[in-house]
Structure formats: structure tokens, C-alpha cells
Amino acid sequence: MSIVNGPTPDSDETFLDDVASLKSRVRAHTDPGRKPLGQDDNTEESQDGGGGRTRRGRPPLTRVQSSRDIDIVERTRSVDEMNRALPDMEAAYHTILSSVGEEPGRQGLLKTPSRAAKALMFFTKGYQEDLQEVVSDAIFDEGCDEMVIVRDIELFSLCEHHLVPFIGKISVGYLPNKKVLGLSKIARIVEMYSRRLQVQERLTKQIALALSEAIQPAGVAVVCEATHMCMVMRGVQKLNSKTVTSCMLGVFREDPKTREEFLTLARG
């Protein structure tokens, strides 16, 4: 078993709105012919040999749903497209400053539209990345079939409803199926999806489905805990509230003991 504390150095318009339908599809296994990203046609399937439970009482290794049909892994805007949008964004921030009663021409605000536009580009840089690019060649053949957890990955994202931050941490675990992913790539997957306009519920599911897409493990588990500035700075103004979301796929959804083991380790 491997546990790592934090990362190592190294609209979603097609997302299904029908939660019941999505849950049903997540429980389904993918087609046996599906292969992880970068896997060649000769890769051998993992089997438990006896059709029963694997060691430590876990169910046999099975594949979990792909994220391809949910279209969450593709780049949505190129770097050039984002750069060409900068002048329009600067003009929009100039208008916002005027609209709140400020004078955009005064010394302290002269460069604010440009700074704010570039900052927003950074906050949403995940739109310039896709899963294939992020994972790259960091998928490795290993006989490991024990749980891998990367715990307490820092999270910074923007609420798509109010464009204010939510901040927290994510723990990601998976049960390998003859393939492991470089540990830093798990943190990079979190970064790719969190650097977009998000809601926490969708972010949690996107990370789980992306990891499933990358290496087709026996199961994936993601738990996210975050503080939302839209609840702290405005609205109900509850300073100590935290939102916790989770997504369990494959063995983690089907086997209570495996799920409990992950949740225990993720809590530290």
C-alpha cells in the first residue's frame, strides 16, 4: 500500500445533468475491449484466476466506466485563443471598474484591467490542457494490486456561480489493474480540472472519471473538502462551513470494506 501526503514535485455542457442516470452508468463496467491511455493492443487483461475474491477479501479486479462519453477530458481553448481574448477581457475589467464607481484612469488602477485579465487566465488555465497531455508517458506496467492514495492535494478553484474562490484539499485513491500512474500526475489531474470554472460536485466526479480513463483501474475514490468564499464573503456568511463531496467508482462503490479502508486512510 502506498500513501503520499500532498503532490510530489514533479459549459462542461455535455456533462450529464441526470444524476440518477449518471450514477447508474458509473456502476457499469466498460467494454472489455477498452484499454488505458497509451496501452498497446497486446496488453494482457488482469484476472483473479478463480472467479472469486482476490486476496484481502476484495472482489475480483474489474474495470470502471470510461469518461470519454461524458466529454470531460478534451481541451476547450488553445493557448493562442486565450491570448487573443486578453484585450477583450481587459476592456471588460475596465468597464467593471467604472461600473462600481471607480476611476480606471487613476494611478493605482491604470494596470488593473491587464493584471486582472492575466490573473483570470491563470485561474482558468485548465481549459488549455487535456488528459492525454497531462498524463503523457507516466503510465507504468506494475503487478501492484494494492491501494494507492495521494492525500491532501491542495485545491484552488473558482465557483462558476459567483466567480469567487473555493479552497480546500482532495484525496485520491485507486486500486491498480496492472497499471500505475506517476504520483505527480494525480496532482496534475486535480490541477487541470480545478483551474476551470467549477462546482465542487462536478470537479470531484471529473477527477475520478479522468483517472479511470487514464489507467482503467479496478476502482477509483475521490474525496474533496473545501471552503467556499461565496458562503463566507457574501450570502449566509458562514465562516467555518466546509463542503465535502465524494465519488466512488468500481470496487470502491461495490465493496464496503474497500471503501472504508480508503476513507480511514484518507482521513489520516
Protein backbone atom coordinates (compact mmCIF):
# COMPACT_ATOMS: atom_id res chain seq x y z
CA MET A 1 0.00 0.00 0.00
CA SER A 2 1.30 3.44 -0.92
CA ILE A 3 0.27 6.71 0.69
CA VAL A 4 1.61 10.13 -0.26
CA ASN A 5 0.87 13.32 1.65
CA GLY A 6 0.26 16.00 -0.96
CA PRO A 7 1.62 16.24 -4.54
CA THR A 8 5.14 15.30 -5.47
CA PRO A 9 7.29 17.96 -7.17
CA ASP A 10 7.37 16.87 -10.39
CA SER A 11 -20.35 24.91 -20.16
CA ASP A 12 -18.94 21.25 -19.40
CA GLU A 13 -22.09 21.42 -21.48
CA THR A 14 -22.21 17.73 -22.24
CA PHE A 15 -21.87 16.67 -18.62
CA LEU A 16 -24.91 14.61 -17.68
CA ASP A 17 -27.46 16.55 -15.67
CA ASP A 18 -29.45 13.48 -14.77
CA VAL A 19 -27.73 12.39 -11.56
CA ALA A 20 -29.64 9.13 -11.33
CA SER A 21 -28.66 8.18 -14.86
CA LEU A 22 -25.04 9.12 -14.24
CA LYS A 23 -24.87 7.04 -11.06
CA SER A 24 -26.29 4.07 -12.93
CA ARG A 25 -23.70 4.44 -15.69
CA VAL A 26 -20.82 4.84 -13.23
CA ARG A 27 -21.71 1.48 -11.70
CA ALA A 28 -21.48 -0.18 -15.10
CA HIS A 29 -18.19 -1.62 -16.27
CA THR A 30 -16.66 -0.63 -19.55
CA ASP A 31 -16.44 -2.78 -22.60
CA PRO A 32 -13.77 -5.50 -22.12
CA GLY A 33 -12.01 -4.19 -25.22
CA ARG A 34 -11.33 -0.78 -23.67
CA LYS A 35 -7.66 -0.03 -22.93
CA PRO A 36 -5.96 2.61 -20.79
CA LEU A 37 -4.44 5.66 -22.44
CA GLY A 38 -1.25 4.66 -24.23
CA GLN A 39 -1.79 0.91 -23.82
CA ASP A 40 -0.99 -1.22 -26.87
CA ASP A 41 -3.20 -3.95 -28.29
CA ASN A 42 -1.12 -6.73 -26.74
CA THR A 43 -1.67 -5.72 -23.12
CA GLU A 44 -2.98 -8.66 -21.15
CA GLU A 45 -6.17 -8.44 -19.12
CA SER A 46 -5.98 -8.89 -15.34
CA GLN A 47 -7.82 -11.89 -13.93
CA ASP A 48 -8.09 -13.37 -10.50
CA GLY A 49 -7.92 -16.92 -11.88
CA GLY A 50 -10.67 -18.39 -9.77
CA GLY A 51 -13.63 -16.14 -10.42
CA GLY A 52 -13.85 -15.41 -6.72
CA ARG A 53 -12.48 -12.72 -4.44
CA THR A 54 -8.89 -11.54 -4.54
CA ARG A 55 -6.61 -11.56 -1.53
CA ARG A 56 -7.55 -9.38 1.44
CA GLY A 57 -11.19 -10.20 0.68
CA ARG A 58 -11.59 -7.75 -2.20
CA PRO A 59 -13.79 -8.55 -5.22
CA PRO A 60 -12.05 -9.56 -8.47
CA LEU A 61 -10.45 -6.73 -10.44
CA THR A 62 -12.97 -5.11 -12.75
CA ARG A 63 -12.86 -2.05 -14.93
CA VAL A 64 -14.83 1.06 -14.17
CA GLN A 65 -16.60 3.41 -16.51
CA SER A 66 -14.78 5.49 -19.05
CA SER A 67 -15.17 9.25 -19.10
CA ARG A 68 -14.98 9.54 -22.87
CA ASP A 69 -18.73 9.57 -23.40
CA ILE A 70 -19.03 12.42 -20.85
CA ASP A 71 -16.52 14.55 -22.79
CA ILE A 72 -14.68 15.98 -19.79
CA VAL A 73 -11.12 15.37 -20.88
CA GLU A 74 -10.75 17.47 -24.01
CA ARG A 75 -9.02 20.84 -24.26
CA THR A 76 -11.66 23.53 -24.75
CA ARG A 77 -9.47 26.51 -25.75
CA SER A 78 -5.97 26.74 -27.16
CA VAL A 79 -3.29 28.97 -25.67
CA ASP A 80 -3.45 31.21 -28.75
CA GLU A 81 -7.22 31.58 -28.40
CA MET A 82 -6.84 32.56 -24.77
CA ASN A 83 -4.14 35.11 -25.58
CA ARG A 84 -6.25 36.65 -28.34
CA ALA A 85 -9.06 37.08 -25.82
CA LEU A 86 -6.91 39.20 -23.45
CA PRO A 87 -7.75 42.65 -24.97
CA ASP A 88 -11.49 41.94 -24.70
CA MET A 89 -11.05 40.80 -21.10
CA GLU A 90 -9.08 43.94 -20.25
CA ALA A 91 -11.81 46.12 -21.75
CA ALA A 92 -14.41 44.21 -19.71
CA TYR A 93 -12.49 44.80 -16.47
CA HIS A 94 -12.18 48.49 -17.38
CA THR A 95 -15.97 48.61 -17.69
CA ILE A 96 -16.40 46.81 -14.36
CA LEU A 97 -14.20 49.34 -12.57
CA SER A 98 -16.24 52.20 -14.00
CA SER A 99 -19.50 50.44 -13.13
CA VAL A 100 -18.62 50.09 -9.43
CA GLY A 101 -17.88 53.84 -9.24
CA GLU A 102 -14.11 53.78 -9.60
CA GLU A 103 -11.91 55.85 -11.89
CA PRO A 104 -9.94 53.41 -14.10
CA GLY A 105 -7.54 56.20 -15.06
CA ARG A 106 -6.20 56.85 -11.58
CA GLN A 107 -2.68 55.70 -10.78
CA GLY A 108 -3.50 52.64 -8.70
CA LEU A 109 -5.90 51.25 -11.30
CA LEU A 110 -4.10 52.03 -14.55
CA LYS A 111 -2.80 48.49 -14.99
CA THR A 112 -5.53 46.71 -13.03
CA PRO A 113 -7.56 45.59 -16.09
CA SER A 114 -4.45 43.99 -17.60
CA ARG A 115 -3.41 42.37 -14.32
CA ALA A 116 -6.91 41.07 -13.64
CA ALA A 117 -7.27 39.62 -17.15
CA LYS A 118 -3.94 37.79 -16.87
CA ALA A 119 -4.83 36.55 -13.39
CA LEU A 120 -8.14 35.14 -14.64
CA MET A 121 -6.29 33.43 -17.48
CA PHE A 122 -4.11 31.70 -14.88
CA PHE A 123 -7.06 30.79 -12.69
CA THR A 124 -8.68 29.07 -15.71
CA LYS A 125 -5.58 27.61 -17.36
CA GLY A 126 -7.13 24.15 -17.11
CA TYR A 127 -9.10 24.97 -20.26
CA GLN A 128 -5.80 24.83 -22.15
CA GLU A 129 -4.98 21.26 -21.05
CA ASP A 130 -6.30 17.79 -21.76
CA LEU A 131 -5.90 14.43 -20.05
CA GLN A 132 -3.66 12.83 -22.68
CA GLU A 133 -1.27 15.77 -22.43
CA VAL A 134 -1.23 15.79 -18.64
CA VAL A 135 -0.71 12.05 -18.21
CA SER A 136 1.87 11.91 -21.03
CA ASP A 137 4.11 8.83 -20.73
CA ALA A 138 3.74 8.38 -16.96
CA ILE A 139 1.75 5.12 -17.12
CA PHE A 140 3.78 2.13 -15.97
CA ASP A 141 3.27 -1.64 -16.05
CA GLU A 142 3.32 -2.96 -12.48
CA GLY A 143 1.99 -6.06 -10.79
CA CYS A 144 0.75 -3.95 -7.88
CA ASP A 145 -2.86 -4.60 -6.89
CA GLU A 146 -2.84 -2.77 -3.54
CA MET A 147 -4.47 0.58 -2.86
CA VAL A 148 -2.59 3.75 -3.84
CA ILE A 149 -3.59 7.03 -2.18
CA VAL A 150 -2.37 10.58 -2.72
CA ARG A 151 -3.72 12.53 0.21
CA ASP A 152 -4.37 16.22 0.94
CA ILE A 153 -3.70 17.70 -2.51
CA GLU A 154 -4.22 21.46 -2.26
CA LEU A 155 -7.16 22.77 -4.25
CA PHE A 156 -7.81 26.26 -5.61
CA SER A 157 -10.77 26.78 -7.93
CA LEU A 158 -13.37 29.36 -8.95
CA CYS A 159 -17.07 28.92 -8.25
CA GLU A 160 -18.83 29.23 -11.59
CA HIS A 161 -21.86 30.86 -9.97
CA HIS A 162 -20.13 33.89 -8.42
CA LEU A 163 -16.56 33.77 -9.80
CA VAL A 164 -15.11 33.73 -6.28
CA PRO A 165 -12.68 31.07 -4.98
CA PHE A 166 -13.27 27.86 -3.17
CA ILE A 167 -10.22 26.42 -1.46
CA GLY A 168 -9.54 23.05 0.10
CA LYS A 169 -7.92 19.66 -0.33
CA ILE A 170 -8.54 16.47 -2.25
CA SER A 171 -7.55 12.88 -1.53
CA VAL A 172 -7.44 10.45 -4.46
CA GLY A 173 -7.11 6.68 -4.28
CA TYR A 174 -7.22 3.86 -6.79
CA LEU A 175 -6.82 0.09 -6.94
CA PRO A 176 -4.40 -0.71 -9.78
CA ASN A 177 -5.16 -3.19 -12.54
CA LYS A 178 -1.61 -3.94 -13.75
CA LYS A 179 -1.06 -0.24 -14.47
CA VAL A 180 0.08 2.57 -12.15
CA LEU A 181 0.22 6.30 -12.78
CA GLY A 182 3.10 8.57 -11.82
CA LEU A 183 2.13 10.13 -8.49
CA SER A 184 2.63 13.73 -9.58
CA LYS A 185 0.21 13.14 -12.47
CA ILE A 186 -2.61 12.59 -10.00
CA ALA A 187 -1.95 16.06 -8.58
CA ARG A 188 -1.77 17.43 -12.13
CA ILE A 189 -5.17 15.95 -12.97
CA VAL A 190 -6.57 17.70 -9.89
CA GLU A 191 -4.91 20.94 -11.03
CA MET A 192 -6.24 20.66 -14.59
CA TYR A 193 -9.88 20.38 -13.53
CA SER A 194 -9.71 22.76 -10.58
CA ARG A 195 -8.25 25.53 -12.80
CA ARG A 196 -11.61 25.93 -14.52
CA LEU A 197 -14.93 27.46 -13.54
CA GLN A 198 -16.35 24.74 -11.36
CA VAL A 199 -18.82 23.41 -8.88
CA GLN A 200 -17.31 21.06 -6.31
CA GLU A 201 -19.66 18.21 -7.11
CA ARG A 202 -18.66 18.13 -10.78
CA LEU A 203 -14.96 18.64 -10.02
CA THR A 204 -14.90 15.59 -7.75
CA LYS A 205 -16.51 13.37 -10.37
CA GLN A 206 -14.33 14.68 -13.20
CA ILE A 207 -11.14 13.80 -11.33
CA ALA A 208 -12.39 10.27 -10.62
CA LEU A 209 -13.50 9.64 -14.19
CA ALA A 210 -10.28 11.06 -15.62
CA LEU A 211 -8.14 8.70 -13.51
CA SER A 212 -10.37 5.84 -14.61
CA GLU A 213 -9.89 6.88 -18.23
CA ALA A 214 -6.12 7.08 -17.87
CA ILE A 215 -5.31 3.64 -16.44
CA GLN A 216 -8.58 1.68 -16.19
CA PRO A 217 -8.05 0.62 -12.56
CA ALA A 218 -10.29 -1.72 -10.58
CA GLY A 219 -11.67 1.27 -8.73
CA VAL A 220 -11.21 4.97 -8.04
CA ALA A 221 -12.12 7.01 -4.95
CA VAL A 222 -12.01 10.79 -4.57
CA VAL A 223 -12.92 12.86 -1.51
CA CYS A 224 -12.89 16.67 -1.64
CA GLU A 225 -13.27 19.10 1.27
CA ALA A 226 -13.43 22.83 0.54
CA THR A 227 -14.41 26.23 1.92
CA HIS A 228 -16.44 28.33 -0.49
CA MET A 229 -15.92 32.09 -0.41
CA CYS A 230 -19.42 32.55 -1.83
CA MET A 231 -20.67 31.30 1.56
CA VAL A 232 -18.05 33.19 3.58
CA MET A 233 -17.75 36.64 1.95
CA ARG A 234 -21.38 37.04 0.90
CA GLY A 235 -24.78 35.40 1.29
CA VAL A 236 -25.10 33.47 4.54
CA GLN A 237 -21.53 34.45 5.60
CA LYS A 238 -20.76 31.23 7.50
CA LEU A 239 -17.03 31.42 8.17
CA ASN A 240 -16.43 27.86 9.36
CA SER A 241 -18.59 25.89 6.95
CA LYS A 242 -16.95 23.20 4.81
CA THR A 243 -18.37 21.21 1.92
CA VAL A 244 -17.39 17.56 1.49
CA THR A 245 -18.04 15.63 -1.73
CA SER A 246 -17.01 12.16 -2.83
CA CYS A 247 -17.04 9.97 -5.90
CA MET A 248 -16.57 6.20 -5.69
CA LEU A 249 -16.16 4.05 -8.81
CA GLY A 250 -15.72 0.32 -9.33
CA VAL A 251 -14.60 -1.67 -6.29
CA PHE A 252 -14.82 1.38 -4.01
CA ARG A 253 -18.52 1.71 -4.79
CA GLU A 254 -19.29 -2.00 -4.73
CA ASP A 255 -17.24 -3.23 -1.74
CA PRO A 256 -17.90 -1.53 1.63
CA LYS A 257 -14.65 -2.83 3.18
CA THR A 258 -12.50 -1.36 0.41
CA ARG A 259 -14.38 1.92 0.65
CA GLU A 260 -13.98 2.02 4.43
CA GLU A 261 -10.24 1.33 4.14
CA PHE A 262 -9.82 4.25 1.76
CA LEU A 263 -11.86 6.65 3.87
CA THR A 264 -9.91 5.69 7.00
CA LEU A 265 -6.54 6.25 5.33
CA ALA A 266 -7.66 9.44 3.58
CA ARG A 267 -8.62 10.92 6.95
CA GLY A 268 -5.13 10.12 8.23
